[in-house]
């Protein structure tokens, strides 16, 4: 249950983290914007958190199933 709760929390942080923070959107010379490398790094970290949490859930299920 704790692993699933942590997974849901990580997914929520990723969902909220996809919105660029102030300063993470850079203006382009010809107009328009692009996302900064800081944004990409931050989102990649959040994605790793989700993947790690998913692995913990899978491990917990495997351990539970081994006891059956």
Protein backbone atom coordinates (compact mmCIF):
# COMPACT_ATOMS: atom_id res chain seq x y z
CA UNK A 1 0.00 0.00 0.00
CA UNK A 2 2.86 2.37 0.80
CA UNK A 3 4.49 1.67 -2.58
CA UNK A 4 1.23 2.39 -4.40
CA UNK A 5 0.74 5.59 -2.43
CA UNK A 6 4.28 6.71 -3.30
CA UNK A 7 3.62 5.90 -6.97
CA UNK A 8 0.44 7.99 -7.02
CA UNK A 9 2.28 10.89 -5.36
CA UNK A 10 5.13 10.66 -7.90
CA UNK A 11 2.65 10.62 -10.79
CA UNK A 12 0.90 13.68 -9.37
CA UNK A 13 4.22 15.56 -9.00
CA UNK A 14 5.05 14.70 -12.62
CA UNK A 15 1.64 15.87 -13.81
CA UNK A 16 2.01 19.17 -11.98
CA UNK A 17 5.69 19.47 -12.93
CA UNK A 18 5.00 19.42 -16.66
CA UNK A 19 3.92 23.06 -16.42
CA UNK A 20 7.02 25.23 -16.96
CA UNK A 21 8.14 27.26 -13.95
CA UNK A 22 8.98 30.95 -14.27
CA UNK A 23 12.24 31.28 -16.18
CA UNK A 24 12.00 27.85 -17.86
CA UNK A 25 10.57 29.23 -21.09
CA UNK A 26 13.11 31.02 -23.29
CA UNK A 27 12.32 33.52 -26.01
CA UNK A 28 13.58 32.91 -29.53
CA UNK A 29 15.04 35.60 -31.79
CA UNK A 30 12.41 35.04 -34.48
CA UNK A 31 9.58 35.05 -31.97
CA UNK A 32 8.06 32.20 -30.04
CA UNK A 33 9.54 30.32 -27.13
CA UNK A 34 11.21 27.08 -26.23
CA UNK A 35 11.70 25.21 -22.98
CA UNK A 36 15.02 25.56 -21.21
CA UNK A 37 17.44 22.72 -20.41
CA UNK A 38 16.55 23.26 -16.73
CA UNK A 39 12.95 22.34 -17.53
CA UNK A 40 14.04 19.22 -19.40
CA UNK A 41 16.28 18.18 -16.47
CA UNK A 42 13.54 18.77 -13.92
CA UNK A 43 10.92 16.79 -15.86
CA UNK A 44 13.38 13.96 -16.51
CA UNK A 45 14.00 13.75 -12.77
CA UNK A 46 10.26 13.57 -12.10
CA UNK A 47 9.92 10.84 -14.75
CA UNK A 48 12.72 8.87 -13.05
CA UNK A 49 10.86 9.18 -9.74
CA UNK A 50 7.75 7.68 -11.35
CA UNK A 51 9.77 4.84 -12.91
CA UNK A 52 11.45 4.10 -9.57
CA UNK A 53 8.09 4.09 -7.80
CA UNK A 54 6.65 1.76 -10.46
CA UNK A 55 9.58 -0.61 -9.92
CA UNK A 56 8.95 -0.59 -6.13
CA UNK A 57 5.27 -1.42 -6.71
CA UNK A 58 6.21 -4.27 -9.05
CA UNK A 59 8.70 -5.58 -6.49
CA UNK A 60 6.10 -5.38 -3.72
CA UNK A 61 3.57 -7.29 -5.85
CA UNK A 62 6.18 -9.91 -6.70
CA UNK A 63 7.03 -10.36 -3.01
CA UNK A 64 3.35 -10.61 -2.12
CA UNK A 65 2.71 -13.16 -4.87
CA UNK A 66 5.71 -15.24 -3.77
CA UNK A 67 4.08 -15.66 -0.37
CA UNK A 68 0.87 -17.08 -1.83
